[in-house]
PDB file of N, CA and C in Angstrom:
ATOM      1  N   MET A   1      96.662  89.072  88.538  1.00  0.00           N
ATOM      2  CA  MET A   1      97.473  88.678  89.689  1.00  0.00           C
ATOM      3  C   MET A   1      98.517  89.770  89.927  1.00  0.00           C
ATOM      4  N   PRO A   2      98.339  90.596  90.958  1.00  0.00           N
ATOM      5  CA  PRO A   2      99.287  91.685  91.233  1.00  0.00           C
ATOM      6  C   PRO A   2     100.637  91.175  91.714  1.00  0.00           C
ATOM      7  N   LYS A   3     101.657  91.520  90.962  1.00  0.00           N
ATOM      8  CA  LYS A   3     103.032  91.205  91.350  1.00  0.00           C
ATOM      9  C   LYS A   3     103.806  92.507  91.390  1.00  0.00           C
ATOM     10  N   TYR A   4     104.679  92.600  92.362  1.00  0.00           N
ATOM     11  CA  TYR A   4     105.514  93.788  92.500  1.00  0.00           C
ATOM     12  C   TYR A   4     106.969  93.351  92.458  1.00  0.00           C
ATOM     13  N   THR A   5     107.768  94.075  91.708  1.00  0.00           N
ATOM     14  CA  THR A   5     109.190  93.771  91.588  1.00  0.00           C
ATOM     15  C   THR A   5     109.997  94.988  91.994  1.00  0.00           C
ATOM     16  N   ALA A   6     111.083  94.723  92.703  1.00  0.00           N
ATOM     17  CA  ALA A   6     111.982  95.811  93.107  1.00  0.00           C
ATOM     18  C   ALA A   6     113.419  95.349  92.920  1.00  0.00           C
ATOM     19  N   GLU A   7     114.225  96.237  92.360  1.00  0.00           N
ATOM     20  CA  GLU A   7     115.666  96.000  92.308  1.00  0.00           C
ATOM     21  C   GLU A   7     116.193  96.284  93.714  1.00  0.00           C
ATOM     22  N   LEU A   8     117.031  95.400  94.215  1.00  0.00           N
ATOM     23  CA  LEU A   8     117.543  95.532  95.585  1.00  0.00           C
ATOM     24  C   LEU A   8     118.987  96.005  95.556  1.00  0.00           C
ATOM     25  N   THR A   9     119.295  97.000  96.360  1.00  0.00           N
ATOM     26  CA  THR A   9     120.647  97.523  96.458  1.00  0.00           C
ATOM     27  C   THR A   9     121.395  96.696  97.493  1.00  0.00           C
ATOM     28  N   SER A  10     122.088  95.671  97.009  1.00  0.00           N
ATOM     29  CA  SER A  10     122.738  94.729  97.902  1.00  0.00           C
ATOM     30  C   SER A  10     123.844  94.007  97.143  1.00  0.00           C
ATOM     31  N   THR A  11     124.882  93.612  97.856  1.00  0.00           N
ATOM     32  CA  THR A  11     125.923  92.819  97.208  1.00  0.00           C
ATOM     33  C   THR A  11     125.490  91.364  97.072  1.00  0.00           C
ATOM     34  N   ALA A  12     124.516  90.923  97.886  1.00  0.00           N
ATOM     35  CA  ALA A  12     124.079  89.529  97.863  1.00  0.00           C
ATOM     36  C   ALA A  12     122.807  89.317  97.041  1.00  0.00           C
ATOM     37  N   LEU A  13     121.921  90.301  97.035  1.00  0.00           N
ATOM     38  CA  LEU A  13     120.623  90.163  96.377  1.00  0.00           C
ATOM     39  C   LEU A  13     120.504  91.170  95.239  1.00  0.00           C
ATOM     40  N   SER A  14     119.816  90.778  94.160  1.00  0.00           N
ATOM     41  CA  SER A  14     119.654  91.718  93.060  1.00  0.00           C
ATOM     42  C   SER A  14     118.207  92.130  92.833  1.00  0.00           C
ATOM     43  N   ARG A  15     117.249  91.245  93.132  1.00  0.00           N
ATOM     44  CA  ARG A  15     115.858  91.574  92.845  1.00  0.00           C
ATOM     45  C   ARG A  15     114.923  90.771  93.728  1.00  0.00           C
ATOM     46  N   GLY A  16     113.779  91.368  94.005  1.00  0.00           N
ATOM     47  CA  GLY A  16     112.709  90.677  94.715  1.00  0.00           C
ATOM     48  C   GLY A  16     111.408  90.878  93.976  1.00  0.00           C
ATOM     49  N   THR A  17     110.586  89.843  93.929  1.00  0.00           N
ATOM     50  CA  THR A  17     109.258  89.933  93.320  1.00  0.00           C
ATOM     51  C   THR A  17     108.265  89.330  94.299  1.00  0.00           C
ATOM     52  N   TYR A  18     107.178  90.062  94.540  1.00  0.00           N
ATOM     53  CA  TYR A  18     106.178  89.612  95.506  1.00  0.00           C
ATOM     54  C   TYR A  18     104.817  89.529  94.839  1.00  0.00           C
ATOM     55  N   ASP A  19     104.127  88.412  95.056  1.00  0.00           N
ATOM     56  CA  ASP A  19     102.783  88.202  94.520  1.00  0.00           C
ATOM     57  C   ASP A  19     101.794  88.356  95.669  1.00  0.00           C
ATOM     58  N   THR A  20     100.954  89.393  95.597  1.00  0.00           N
ATOM     59  CA  THR A  20     100.031  89.681  96.699  1.00  0.00           C
ATOM     60  C   THR A  20      98.893  88.679  96.809  1.00  0.00           C
ATOM     61  N   GLU A  21      98.606  87.935  95.752  1.00  0.00           N
ATOM     62  CA  GLU A  21      97.519  86.955  95.811  1.00  0.00           C
ATOM     63  C   GLU A  21      97.968  85.630  96.413  1.00  0.00           C
ATOM     64  N   THR A  22      99.198  85.218  96.133  1.00  0.00           N
ATOM     65  CA  THR A  22      99.684  83.927  96.627  1.00  0.00           C
ATOM     66  C   THR A  22     100.632  84.072  97.815  1.00  0.00           C
ATOM     67  N   ASN A  23     101.031  85.320  98.112  1.00  0.00           N
ATOM     68  CA  ASN A  23     102.018  85.595  99.166  1.00  0.00           C
ATOM     69  C   ASN A  23     103.344  84.882  98.919  1.00  0.00           C
ATOM     70  N   GLU A  24     103.704  84.754  97.645  1.00  0.00           N
ATOM     71  CA  GLU A  24     104.987  84.168  97.289  1.00  0.00           C
ATOM     72  C   GLU A  24     106.001  85.268  97.017  1.00  0.00           C
ATOM     73  N   LEU A  25     107.168  85.082  97.572  1.00  0.00           N
ATOM     74  CA  LEU A  25     108.273  86.011  97.384  1.00  0.00           C
ATOM     75  C   LEU A  25     109.367  85.298  96.613  1.00  0.00           C
ATOM     76  N   GLU A  26     109.777  85.874  95.493  1.00  0.00           N
ATOM     77  CA  GLU A  26     110.920  85.361  94.737  1.00  0.00           C
ATOM     78  C   GLU A  26     112.082  86.302  94.968  1.00  0.00           C
ATOM     79  N   VAL A  27     113.203  85.741  95.352  1.00  0.00           N
ATOM     80  CA  VAL A  27     114.403  86.539  95.582  1.00  0.00           C
ATOM     81  C   VAL A  27     115.478  86.048  94.622  1.00  0.00           C
ATOM     82  N   THR A  28     116.026  86.983  93.854  1.00  0.00           N
ATOM     83  CA  THR A  28     117.123  86.666  92.942  1.00  0.00           C
ATOM     84  C   THR A  28     118.413  87.172  93.572  1.00  0.00           C
ATOM     85  N   PHE A  29     119.355  86.270  93.687  1.00  0.00           N
ATOM     86  CA  PHE A  29     120.637  86.591  94.292  1.00  0.00           C
ATOM     87  C   PHE A  29     121.595  87.132  93.233  1.00  0.00           C
ATOM     88  N   ALA A  30     122.650  87.746  93.685  1.00  0.00           N
ATOM     89  CA  ALA A  30     123.653  88.320  92.784  1.00  0.00           C
ATOM     90  C   ALA A  30     124.264  87.243  91.881  1.00  0.00           C
ATOM     91  N   THR A  31     124.216  86.001  92.314  1.00  0.00           N
ATOM     92  CA  THR A  31     124.739  84.888  91.523  1.00  0.00           C
ATOM     93  C   THR A  31     123.838  84.537  90.349  1.00  0.00           C
ATOM     94  N   GLY A  32     122.602  85.083  90.363  1.00  0.00           N
ATOM     95  CA  GLY A  32     121.643  84.779  89.313  1.00  0.00           C
ATOM     96  C   GLY A  32     120.616  83.741  89.700  1.00  0.00           C
ATOM     97  N   ARG A  33     120.829  83.058  90.807  1.00  0.00           N
ATOM     98  CA  ARG A  33     119.882  82.039  91.267  1.00  0.00           C
ATOM     99  C   ARG A  33     118.669  82.707  91.900  1.00  0.00           C
ATOM    100  N   THR A  34     117.490  82.144  91.619  1.00  0.00           N
ATOM    101  CA  THR A  34     116.244  82.663  92.163  1.00  0.00           C
ATOM    102  C   THR A  34     115.597  81.600  93.041  1.00  0.00           C
ATOM    103  N   TYR A  35     115.145  82.021  94.211  1.00  0.00           N
ATOM    104  CA  TYR A  35     114.471  81.138  95.148  1.00  0.00           C
ATOM    105  C   TYR A  35     113.089  81.690  95.441  1.00  0.00           C
ATOM    106  N   THR A  36     112.129  80.797  95.650  1.00  0.00           N
ATOM    107  CA  THR A  36     110.761  81.180  95.963  1.00  0.00           C
ATOM    108  C   THR A  36     110.450  80.812  97.406  1.00  0.00           C
ATOM    109  N   PHE A  37     109.862  81.761  98.115  1.00  0.00           N
ATOM    110  CA  PHE A  37     109.474  81.576  99.515  1.00  0.00           C
ATOM    111  C   PHE A  37     107.962  81.722  99.603  1.00  0.00           C
ATOM    112  N   GLU A  38     107.302  80.796 100.297  1.00  0.00           N
ATOM    113  CA  GLU A  38     105.844  80.764 100.361  1.00  0.00           C
ATOM    114  C   GLU A  38     105.328  81.319 101.680  1.00  0.00           C
ATOM    115  N   ASN A  39     104.070  81.781 101.637  1.00  0.00           N
ATOM    116  CA  ASN A  39     103.364  82.284 102.830  1.00  0.00           C
ATOM    117  C   ASN A  39     104.093  83.445 103.497  1.00  0.00           C
ATOM    118  N   VAL A  40     104.648  84.316 102.697  1.00  0.00           N
ATOM    119  CA  VAL A  40     105.382  85.470 103.207  1.00  0.00           C
ATOM    120  C   VAL A  40     104.403  86.643 103.358  1.00  0.00           C
ATOM    121  N   PRO A  41     104.251  87.182 104.562  1.00  0.00           N
ATOM    122  CA  PRO A  41     103.355  88.329 104.742  1.00  0.00           C
ATOM    123  C   PRO A  41     103.843  89.540 103.941  1.00  0.00           C
ATOM    124  N   GLU A  42     102.903  90.347 103.510  1.00  0.00           N
ATOM    125  CA  GLU A  42     103.257  91.523 102.713  1.00  0.00           C
ATOM    126  C   GLU A  42     104.161  92.474 103.483  1.00  0.00           C
ATOM    127  N   ALA A  43     104.012  92.524 104.796  1.00  0.00           N
ATOM    128  CA  ALA A  43     104.867  93.386 105.619  1.00  0.00           C
ATOM    129  C   ALA A  43     106.341  92.974 105.514  1.00  0.00           C
ATOM    130  N   ILE A  44     106.596  91.684 105.351  1.00  0.00           N
ATOM    131  CA  ILE A  44     107.979  91.209 105.191  1.00  0.00           C
ATOM    132  C   ILE A  44     108.522  91.680 103.840  1.00  0.00           C
ATOM    133  N   TRP A  45     107.698  91.600 102.793  1.00  0.00           N
ATOM    134  CA  TRP A  45     108.098  92.126 101.485  1.00  0.00           C
ATOM    135  C   TRP A  45     108.418  93.611 101.585  1.00  0.00           C
ATOM    136  N   ASP A  46     107.536  94.357 102.250  1.00  0.00           N
ATOM    137  CA  ASP A  46     107.763  95.794 102.409  1.00  0.00           C
ATOM    138  C   ASP A  46     109.092  96.056 103.106  1.00  0.00           C
ATOM    139  N   GLY A  47     109.371  95.259 104.138  1.00  0.00           N
ATOM    140  CA  GLY A  47     110.616  95.419 104.880  1.00  0.00           C
ATOM    141  C   GLY A  47     111.837  95.135 104.023  1.00  0.00           C
ATOM    142  N   LEU A  48     111.765  94.082 103.218  1.00  0.00           N
ATOM    143  CA  LEU A  48     112.889  93.740 102.337  1.00  0.00           C
ATOM    144  C   LEU A  48     113.106  94.838 101.305  1.00  0.00           C
ATOM    145  N   ARG A  49     112.036  95.265 100.700  1.00  0.00           N
ATOM    146  CA  ARG A  49     112.107  96.292  99.653  1.00  0.00           C
ATOM    147  C   ARG A  49     112.670  97.611 100.184  1.00  0.00           C
ATOM    148  N   ASP A  50     112.323  97.952 101.416  1.00  0.00           N
ATOM    149  CA  ASP A  50     112.705  99.243 101.981  1.00  0.00           C
ATOM    150  C   ASP A  50     113.958  99.194 102.862  1.00  0.00           C
ATOM    151  N   ALA A  51     114.530  98.014 103.046  1.00  0.00           N
ATOM    152  CA  ALA A  51     115.674  97.868 103.954  1.00  0.00           C
ATOM    153  C   ALA A  51     116.909  98.608 103.447  1.00  0.00           C
ATOM    154  N   SER A  52     117.641  99.205 104.372  1.00  0.00           N
ATOM    155  CA  SER A  52     118.907  99.834 103.992  1.00  0.00           C
ATOM    156  C   SER A  52     119.944  98.775 103.632  1.00  0.00           C
ATOM    157  N   SER A  53     119.780  97.568 104.191  1.00  0.00           N
ATOM    158  CA  SER A  53     120.643  96.441 103.858  1.00  0.00           C
ATOM    159  C   SER A  53     119.756  95.221 103.578  1.00  0.00           C
ATOM    160  N   PRO A  54     119.302  95.045 102.326  1.00  0.00           N
ATOM    161  CA  PRO A  54     118.424  93.924 102.014  1.00  0.00           C
ATOM    162  C   PRO A  54     119.021  92.556 102.348  1.00  0.00           C
ATOM    163  N   GLY A  55     120.328  92.402 102.189  1.00  0.00           N
ATOM    164  CA  GLY A  55     120.959  91.117 102.508  1.00  0.00           C
ATOM    165  C   GLY A  55     120.837  90.772 103.975  1.00  0.00           C
ATOM    166  N   THR A  56     121.064  91.749 104.827  1.00  0.00           N
ATOM    167  CA  THR A  56     120.928  91.533 106.269  1.00  0.00           C
ATOM    168  C   THR A  56     119.473  91.269 106.630  1.00  0.00           C
ATOM    169  N   TYR A  57     118.563  92.048 106.057  1.00  0.00           N
ATOM    170  CA  TYR A  57     117.133  91.849 106.322  1.00  0.00           C
ATOM    171  C   TYR A  57     116.722  90.442 105.908  1.00  0.00           C
ATOM    172  N   PHE A  58     117.161  90.010 104.734  1.00  0.00           N
ATOM    173  CA  PHE A  58     116.841  88.664 104.256  1.00  0.00           C
ATOM    174  C   PHE A  58     117.320  87.614 105.262  1.00  0.00           C
ATOM    175  N   THR A  59     118.543  87.743 105.701  1.00  0.00           N
ATOM    176  CA  THR A  59     119.106  86.763 106.635  1.00  0.00           C
ATOM    177  C   THR A  59     118.352  86.746 107.962  1.00  0.00           C
ATOM    178  N   GLN A  60     117.985  87.908 108.454  1.00  0.00           N
ATOM    179  CA  GLN A  60     117.329  87.999 109.757  1.00  0.00           C
ATOM    180  C   GLN A  60     115.836  87.702 109.732  1.00  0.00           C
ATOM    181  N   GLN A  61     115.157  88.027 108.639  1.00  0.00           N
ATOM    182  CA  GLN A  61     113.697  87.948 108.633  1.00  0.00           C
ATOM    183  C   GLN A  61     113.092  86.883 107.698  1.00  0.00           C
ATOM    184  N   ILE A  62     113.843  86.397 106.743  1.00  0.00           N
ATOM    185  CA  ILE A  62     113.252  85.496 105.739  1.00  0.00           C
ATOM    186  C   ILE A  62     113.919  84.122 105.731  1.00  0.00           C
ATOM    187  N   LYS A  63     115.229  84.097 105.656  1.00  0.00           N
ATOM    188  CA  LYS A  63     115.983  82.837 105.536  1.00  0.00           C
ATOM    189  C   LYS A  63     115.629  81.888 106.683  1.00  0.00           C
ATOM    190  N   GLY A  64     115.224  80.684 106.326  1.00  0.00           N
ATOM    191  CA  GLY A  64     114.896  79.674 107.313  1.00  0.00           C
ATOM    192  C   GLY A  64     113.519  79.811 107.940  1.00  0.00           C
ATOM    193  N   ARG A  65     112.770  80.853 107.570  1.00  0.00           N
ATOM    194  CA  ARG A  65     111.427  81.060 108.140  1.00  0.00           C
ATOM    195  C   ARG A  65     110.312  80.748 107.152  1.00  0.00           C
ATOM    196  N   TYR A  66     110.592  80.929 105.872  1.00  0.00           N
ATOM    197  CA  TYR A  66     109.555  80.740 104.846  1.00  0.00           C
ATOM    198  C   TYR A  66     110.020  79.774 103.789  1.00  0.00           C
TER     199      TYR A  66
END
């Protein structure tokens, strides 16, 4: 099961992990809490991982959608 993890440069987020088989995205916040988002397209993971501001990207593209 291919999973990819990236440390996120953000004051709000610390890490993201994406599972390409289940399309599940786990986001760990700076507080230490981890949330799982389902049915997330790989392009959204790519965007989060590569964003200059992962916190803003998360708020605009993921929060409340998945």
